[in-house]
C-alpha atoms as a PDB file:
ATOM      1  CA  UNK A   1     104.309  91.744  99.132  1.00  0.00           C
ATOM      2  CA  UNK A   2     102.597  89.856  96.285  1.00  0.00           C
ATOM      3  CA  UNK A   3      99.872  87.346  96.814  1.00  0.00           C
ATOM      4  CA  UNK A   4      99.702  84.508  94.259  1.00  0.00           C
ATOM      5  CA  UNK A   5      96.401  82.614  94.051  1.00  0.00           C
ATOM      6  CA  UNK A   6      95.851  79.586  92.046  1.00  0.00           C
ATOM      7  CA  UNK A   7      92.701  77.676  91.598  1.00  0.00           C
ATOM      8  CA  UNK A   8      92.528  74.187  89.998  1.00  0.00           C
ATOM      9  CA  UNK A   9      89.759  72.356  88.178  1.00  0.00           C
ATOM     10  CA  UNK A  10      90.106  68.599  87.904  1.00  0.00           C
ATOM     11  CA  UNK A  11      89.368  67.481  84.341  1.00  0.00           C
ATOM     12  CA  UNK A  12      86.124  65.623  83.784  1.00  0.00           C
ATOM     13  CA  UNK A  13      86.258  62.058  85.201  1.00  0.00           C
ATOM     14  CA  UNK A  14      89.571  62.890  87.279  1.00  0.00           C
ATOM     15  CA  UNK A  15      89.031  62.111  91.055  1.00  0.00           C
ATOM     16  CA  UNK A  16      91.175  63.389  93.988  1.00  0.00           C
ATOM     17  CA  UNK A  17      92.463  59.830  94.698  1.00  0.00           C
ATOM     18  CA  UNK A  18      93.761  59.419  91.091  1.00  0.00           C
ATOM     19  CA  UNK A  19      97.523  58.659  91.601  1.00  0.00           C
ATOM     20  CA  UNK A  20      98.407  61.523  89.167  1.00  0.00           C
ATOM     21  CA  UNK A  21      96.577  63.992  91.322  1.00  0.00           C
ATOM     22  CA  UNK A  22      98.273  62.493  94.520  1.00  0.00           C
ATOM     23  CA  UNK A  23     101.581  63.033  93.040  1.00  0.00           C
ATOM     24  CA  UNK A  24     100.684  66.387  91.881  1.00  0.00           C
ATOM     25  CA  UNK A  25      99.558  67.544  95.362  1.00  0.00           C
ATOM     26  CA  UNK A  26     102.549  66.068  96.936  1.00  0.00           C
ATOM     27  CA  UNK A  27     104.755  67.971  94.396  1.00  0.00           C
ATOM     28  CA  UNK A  28     103.251  71.301  95.367  1.00  0.00           C
ATOM     29  CA  UNK A  29     103.127  70.466  98.989  1.00  0.00           C
ATOM     30  CA  UNK A  30     106.942  69.904  98.835  1.00  0.00           C
ATOM     31  CA  UNK A  31     107.671  73.386  97.449  1.00  0.00           C
ATOM     32  CA  UNK A  32     107.446  75.217 100.879  1.00  0.00           C
ATOM     33  CA  UNK A  33     111.042  75.120 102.384  1.00  0.00           C
ATOM     34  CA  UNK A  34     112.322  74.094  98.895  1.00  0.00           C
ATOM     35  CA  UNK A  35     112.080  77.484  97.104  1.00  0.00           C
ATOM     36  CA  UNK A  36     113.427  80.362  99.189  1.00  0.00           C
ATOM     37  CA  UNK A  37     111.180  83.010  97.572  1.00  0.00           C
ATOM     38  CA  UNK A  38     108.231  81.686  99.248  1.00  0.00           C
ATOM     39  CA  UNK A  39     107.133  83.719 102.147  1.00  0.00           C
ATOM     40  CA  UNK A  40     103.650  82.324 102.774  1.00  0.00           C
ATOM     41  CA  UNK A  41     102.228  78.998 101.621  1.00  0.00           C
ATOM     42  CA  UNK A  42      98.960  77.409 102.177  1.00  0.00           C
ATOM     43  CA  UNK A  43      97.046  74.781  99.902  1.00  0.00           C
ATOM     44  CA  UNK A  44      93.980  72.570 100.270  1.00  0.00           C
ATOM     45  CA  UNK A  45      91.096  70.906  98.730  1.00  0.00           C
ATOM     46  CA  UNK A  46      87.797  72.774  98.341  1.00  0.00           C
ATOM     47  CA  UNK A  47      84.884  71.505 100.416  1.00  0.00           C
ATOM     48  CA  UNK A  48      82.205  73.448  98.945  1.00  0.00           C
ATOM     49  CA  UNK A  49      79.631  71.556  96.715  1.00  0.00           C
ATOM     50  CA  UNK A  50      78.672  74.686  94.764  1.00  0.00           C
ATOM     51  CA  UNK A  51      78.843  74.134  91.055  1.00  0.00           C
ATOM     52  CA  UNK A  52      81.149  77.235  90.372  1.00  0.00           C
ATOM     53  CA  UNK A  53      83.676  75.968  92.959  1.00  0.00           C
ATOM     54  CA  UNK A  54      87.158  74.981  91.952  1.00  0.00           C
ATOM     55  CA  UNK A  55      88.619  71.738  93.354  1.00  0.00           C
ATOM     56  CA  UNK A  56      92.025  72.841  94.746  1.00  0.00           C
ATOM     57  CA  UNK A  57      93.762  75.868  95.857  1.00  0.00           C
ATOM     58  CA  UNK A  58      97.142  77.474  96.471  1.00  0.00           C
ATOM     59  CA  UNK A  59      97.418  80.798  98.279  1.00  0.00           C
ATOM     60  CA  UNK A  60     101.093  81.903  98.520  1.00  0.00           C
ATOM     61  CA  UNK A  61     103.029  85.199  99.055  1.00  0.00           C
ATOM     62  CA  UNK A  62     106.279  86.570  97.713  1.00  0.00           C
ATOM     63  CA  UNK A  63     108.428  89.710  98.788  1.00  0.00           C
ATOM     64  CA  UNK A  64     108.045  91.170  95.193  1.00  0.00           C
ATOM     65  CA  UNK A  65     107.181  90.667  91.534  1.00  0.00           C
ATOM     66  CA  UNK A  66     110.830  89.506  90.958  1.00  0.00           C
ATOM     67  CA  UNK A  67     110.552  86.800  93.746  1.00  0.00           C
ATOM     68  CA  UNK A  68     107.447  85.467  92.208  1.00  0.00           C
ATOM     69  CA  UNK A  69     109.099  85.339  88.730  1.00  0.00           C
ATOM     70  CA  UNK A  70     111.925  83.405  90.279  1.00  0.00           C
ATOM     71  CA  UNK A  71     109.447  81.071  91.925  1.00  0.00           C
ATOM     72  CA  UNK A  72     107.534  80.524  88.647  1.00  0.00           C
ATOM     73  CA  UNK A  73     110.646  79.695  86.874  1.00  0.00           C
ATOM     74  CA  UNK A  74     112.165  77.438  89.528  1.00  0.00           C
ATOM     75  CA  UNK A  75     112.507  73.723  88.287  1.00  0.00           C
ATOM     76  CA  UNK A  76     110.647  72.281  91.111  1.00  0.00           C
ATOM     77  CA  UNK A  77     107.724  74.509  90.423  1.00  0.00           C
ATOM     78  CA  UNK A  78     107.924  73.767  86.748  1.00  0.00           C
ATOM     79  CA  UNK A  79     107.894  70.228  87.595  1.00  0.00           C
ATOM     80  CA  UNK A  80     104.779  70.454  89.571  1.00  0.00           C
ATOM     81  CA  UNK A  81     103.137  72.431  86.691  1.00  0.00           C
ATOM     82  CA  UNK A  82     103.902  69.489  84.231  1.00  0.00           C
ATOM     83  CA  UNK A  83     102.125  67.139  86.478  1.00  0.00           C
ATOM     84  CA  UNK A  84      99.063  69.132  86.864  1.00  0.00           C
ATOM     85  CA  UNK A  85      98.787  69.880  83.124  1.00  0.00           C
ATOM     86  CA  UNK A  86      97.901  66.243  82.640  1.00  0.00           C
ATOM     87  CA  UNK A  87      94.677  66.320  84.669  1.00  0.00           C
ATOM     88  CA  UNK A  88      93.599  69.802  85.436  1.00  0.00           C
ATOM     89  CA  UNK A  89      93.058  73.375  84.375  1.00  0.00           C
ATOM     90  CA  UNK A  90      93.622  76.378  86.479  1.00  0.00           C
ATOM     91  CA  UNK A  91      93.213  80.242  86.957  1.00  0.00           C
ATOM     92  CA  UNK A  92      95.363  82.545  88.760  1.00  0.00           C
ATOM     93  CA  UNK A  93      95.387  85.993  90.407  1.00  0.00           C
ATOM     94  CA  UNK A  94      98.556  88.031  91.339  1.00  0.00           C
ATOM     95  CA  UNK A  95      98.030  91.163  93.481  1.00  0.00           C
ATOM     96  CA  UNK A  96     100.056  93.377  95.658  1.00  0.00           C
ATOM     97  CA  UNK A  97      99.114  93.876  99.289  1.00  0.00           C
END
């Protein structure tokens, strides 16, 4: 199994209730059940007020590296990424478990 972690940082001045952010979150919430390769899917807003904390996280699981690649290339995933590029930056970690 492959774990795919993504941590998002909203750009300066962008708030959670920004309509672009709301649409971006909805796009990623909708991926579960849309993309067959997803085996595990959870996401949510950070509640920590620590300055090093990121704002939003996705924790997901895939059968293998090929399944992760198919997910990353899926049009629905790419559409969500396109939305998030407008208002956030992110870091990822992919690891086998």
